[in-house]
Amino acid sequence: MERRRIWTKQHVQVLKELEKTGRYTAKRRYVELENEDCAPIVLEAYDWLVGHAPNRAYRPADAEYPVWASLARDTAMLLEPGRVLLELEVDPEELALIHVGKWGMILNYSYIPADEADAARHKKLLADYRVSDVTAYMSQFYPAIKREIVASWDRLFDERIQLGGSHQYGIIWELRKEWIMDVIQ
């Protein structure tokens, strides 16, 4: 099977761990450090992703969270001090594609509509209750709306549903030393 080239920006310590042990998996504490004050919000979305990602069968037992990757070199994040860009070749089956716009909606605790009619229906529901998605999600008073919001997140992986463009990232569950094609510092 032909391998897929991806790029991931990582802390230099990740490269050191790869050189020392041959592999790296993301841990909860790394996500907390990276996201600081926003960590509780981000972690709730990440916890959902861990349980629903289509490539979760490839998740090693020690991988608490996925590793994010760009699908093209020119969409990889800019380097900053203490970071490296790893160019990797991976088995495409181990890579799950994540629609950037829809992932942003999940991070904002928003509903991902199936189509325009569904978006209008959900908008009316919120108006009838005089709440926003985030209020319904964070409050204990709207459990049915919260369930609807969370159920809609499965559309993250439905490629037929496009919101705000088609830009995607990928997630994998580990990095392996043998996948590295180049290290950009």
Protein backbone atom coordinates (compact mmCIF):
# COMPACT_ATOMS: atom_id res chain seq x y z
CA MET A 1 0.00 0.00 0.00
CA GLU A 2 1.25 3.46 -0.86
CA ARG A 3 2.14 5.57 2.15
CA ARG A 4 0.86 9.10 2.79
CA ARG A 5 3.14 12.03 3.52
CA ILE A 6 2.12 14.29 6.43
CA TRP A 7 3.75 16.99 8.59
CA THR A 8 3.43 17.54 12.32
CA LYS A 9 4.82 20.39 14.40
CA GLN A 10 6.10 19.11 17.73
CA HIS A 11 8.10 20.23 20.72
CA VAL A 12 11.80 19.37 20.37
CA GLN A 13 11.36 16.95 23.31
CA VAL A 14 9.13 14.80 21.08
CA LEU A 15 12.00 14.42 18.62
CA LYS A 16 14.33 13.50 21.48
CA GLU A 17 11.86 10.87 22.69
CA LEU A 18 11.57 9.46 19.16
CA GLU A 19 15.36 9.24 18.89
CA LYS A 20 15.62 7.59 22.32
CA THR A 21 12.65 5.18 22.33
CA GLY A 22 11.60 4.96 18.68
CA ARG A 23 8.06 6.18 19.28
CA TYR A 24 5.90 8.87 20.87
CA THR A 25 2.28 9.02 22.03
CA ALA A 26 0.39 12.11 23.18
CA LYS A 27 -0.57 12.37 26.82
CA ARG A 28 -3.26 14.38 28.57
CA ARG A 29 -0.69 16.48 30.42
CA TYR A 30 0.82 17.62 27.09
CA VAL A 31 -2.58 18.86 25.90
CA GLU A 32 -3.06 20.63 29.23
CA LEU A 33 0.34 22.33 28.96
CA GLU A 34 -0.23 23.34 25.34
CA ASN A 35 -3.69 24.80 25.95
CA GLU A 36 -3.24 26.26 29.45
CA ASP A 37 -6.44 28.08 30.52
CA CYS A 38 -8.48 26.60 27.66
CA ALA A 39 -7.46 23.03 28.53
CA PRO A 40 -10.76 21.97 30.17
CA ILE A 41 -12.71 23.06 27.08
CA VAL A 42 -10.28 21.47 24.64
CA LEU A 43 -10.01 18.25 26.64
CA GLU A 44 -13.77 17.71 26.60
CA ALA A 45 -13.70 17.84 22.80
CA TYR A 46 -10.58 15.66 22.67
CA ASP A 47 -12.20 13.08 24.94
CA TRP A 48 -15.11 12.89 22.51
CA LEU A 49 -12.68 12.55 19.58
CA VAL A 50 -10.79 9.71 21.26
CA GLY A 51 -14.00 7.70 21.52
CA HIS A 52 -15.28 8.44 18.01
CA ALA A 53 -12.31 8.74 15.64
CA PRO A 54 -12.64 6.31 12.74
CA ASN A 55 -9.02 5.20 13.19
CA ARG A 56 -9.38 4.46 16.93
CA ALA A 57 -8.69 0.76 16.27
CA TYR A 58 -5.05 1.82 15.67
CA ARG A 59 -4.79 3.56 19.06
CA PRO A 60 -2.07 1.99 21.22
CA ALA A 61 -2.93 1.48 24.89
CA ASP A 62 -0.51 4.23 25.97
CA ALA A 63 -1.89 6.86 23.55
CA GLU A 64 -4.21 9.12 25.52
CA TYR A 65 -4.82 11.55 22.65
CA PRO A 66 -4.13 11.73 18.93
CA VAL A 67 -1.26 13.54 17.27
CA TRP A 68 -2.35 16.23 14.80
CA ALA A 69 -0.79 16.51 11.35
CA SER A 70 -1.01 18.70 8.26
CA LEU A 71 -1.74 17.04 4.94
CA ALA A 72 0.42 19.47 2.96
CA ARG A 73 3.74 21.12 3.82
CA ASP A 74 2.40 24.61 3.10
CA THR A 75 -0.44 24.19 5.61
CA ALA A 76 1.84 23.11 8.46
CA MET A 77 2.08 25.58 11.32
CA LEU A 78 5.02 27.97 11.37
CA LEU A 79 7.94 26.93 13.49
CA GLU A 80 8.82 28.73 16.67
CA PRO A 81 11.68 28.31 19.14
CA GLY A 82 11.77 24.88 20.72
CA ARG A 83 9.67 23.29 17.96
CA VAL A 84 10.43 21.05 14.99
CA LEU A 85 8.44 20.06 11.95
CA LEU A 86 8.49 16.32 11.31
CA GLU A 87 7.85 15.13 7.78
CA LEU A 88 6.42 11.62 8.00
CA GLU A 89 5.23 8.83 5.75
CA VAL A 90 2.38 6.82 7.30
CA ASP A 91 -0.04 4.08 6.36
CA PRO A 92 -3.18 5.92 5.15
CA GLU A 93 -5.38 3.54 7.16
CA GLU A 94 -3.83 4.85 10.38
CA LEU A 95 -4.71 8.45 9.46
CA ALA A 96 -8.16 9.92 10.15
CA LEU A 97 -9.10 13.10 8.32
CA ILE A 98 -10.57 15.94 10.36
CA HIS A 99 -12.52 18.77 8.68
CA VAL A 100 -11.11 21.98 10.18
CA GLY A 101 -14.40 23.93 10.19
CA LYS A 102 -16.39 21.13 11.76
CA TRP A 103 -13.69 20.51 14.38
CA GLY A 104 -13.88 24.21 15.26
CA MET A 105 -17.62 23.81 15.78
CA ILE A 106 -16.97 20.96 18.21
CA LEU A 107 -14.41 23.05 20.10
CA ASN A 108 -17.11 25.73 20.40
CA TYR A 109 -19.71 23.17 21.58
CA SER A 110 -21.78 23.84 18.46
CA TYR A 111 -24.24 21.76 16.49
CA ILE A 112 -23.02 20.40 13.14
CA PRO A 113 -26.06 20.45 10.83
CA ALA A 114 -26.71 17.74 8.26
CA ASP A 115 -27.92 20.31 5.72
CA GLU A 116 -29.52 23.76 5.49
CA ALA A 117 -32.96 22.53 6.58
CA ASP A 118 -31.43 20.86 9.63
CA ALA A 119 -29.50 24.04 10.44
CA ALA A 120 -32.73 26.07 10.26
CA ARG A 121 -34.57 23.54 12.46
CA HIS A 122 -31.83 23.60 15.08
CA LYS A 123 -31.62 27.39 15.00
CA LYS A 124 -35.40 27.59 15.62
CA LEU A 125 -35.09 25.12 18.50
CA LEU A 126 -32.47 27.33 20.14
CA ALA A 127 -34.58 30.44 19.53
CA ASP A 128 -37.64 28.75 21.06
CA TYR A 129 -35.63 28.07 24.22
CA ARG A 130 -33.78 31.40 24.00
CA VAL A 131 -30.37 29.73 24.34
CA SER A 132 -27.23 29.30 22.30
CA ASP A 133 -25.49 26.01 21.59
CA VAL A 134 -22.81 26.75 24.16
CA THR A 135 -25.36 27.67 26.84
CA ALA A 136 -27.39 24.52 26.17
CA TYR A 137 -24.24 22.41 26.21
CA MET A 138 -22.74 23.85 29.39
CA SER A 139 -26.00 24.06 31.35
CA GLN A 140 -27.73 21.21 33.15
CA PHE A 141 -31.12 22.63 32.09
CA TYR A 142 -31.14 21.53 28.42
CA PRO A 143 -30.08 17.86 28.37
CA ALA A 144 -32.04 17.01 25.20
CA ILE A 145 -30.43 19.86 23.27
CA LYS A 146 -26.99 18.88 24.59
CA ARG A 147 -27.55 15.28 23.43
CA GLU A 148 -28.55 16.58 19.99
CA ILE A 149 -25.43 18.73 19.80
CA VAL A 150 -23.11 15.88 20.78
CA ALA A 151 -24.86 13.43 18.41
CA SER A 152 -24.31 15.90 15.56
CA TRP A 153 -20.55 15.74 16.11
CA ASP A 154 -20.45 12.35 14.35
CA ARG A 155 -20.83 14.43 11.17
CA LEU A 156 -17.21 15.47 11.66
CA PHE A 157 -16.29 12.33 9.72
CA ASP A 158 -19.01 12.60 7.04
CA GLU A 159 -17.22 13.95 3.98
CA ARG A 160 -20.55 14.73 2.27
CA ILE A 161 -21.15 17.49 4.82
CA GLN A 162 -18.95 20.49 4.03
CA LEU A 163 -19.07 23.62 6.15
CA GLY A 164 -16.86 26.61 5.46
CA GLY A 165 -14.57 24.96 2.93
CA SER A 166 -12.90 21.60 2.67
CA HIS A 167 -9.62 22.14 4.54
CA GLN A 168 -8.58 19.12 6.59
CA TYR A 169 -5.99 18.01 9.10
CA GLY A 170 -5.19 14.45 10.03
CA ILE A 171 -4.82 12.60 13.29
CA ILE A 172 -2.70 9.57 14.06
CA TRP A 173 -2.27 7.79 17.37
CA GLU A 174 1.50 7.61 17.59
CA LEU A 175 4.69 8.76 15.95
CA ARG A 176 7.34 6.22 15.02
CA LYS A 177 10.97 6.95 14.31
CA GLU A 178 10.89 4.89 11.11
CA TRP A 179 8.15 7.13 9.68
CA ILE A 180 10.40 10.24 9.75
CA MET A 181 11.49 11.39 6.30
CA ASP A 182 12.82 14.79 7.34
CA VAL A 183 13.18 17.03 10.39
CA ILE A 184 12.83 20.76 9.78
CA GLN A 185 14.22 22.95 12.57
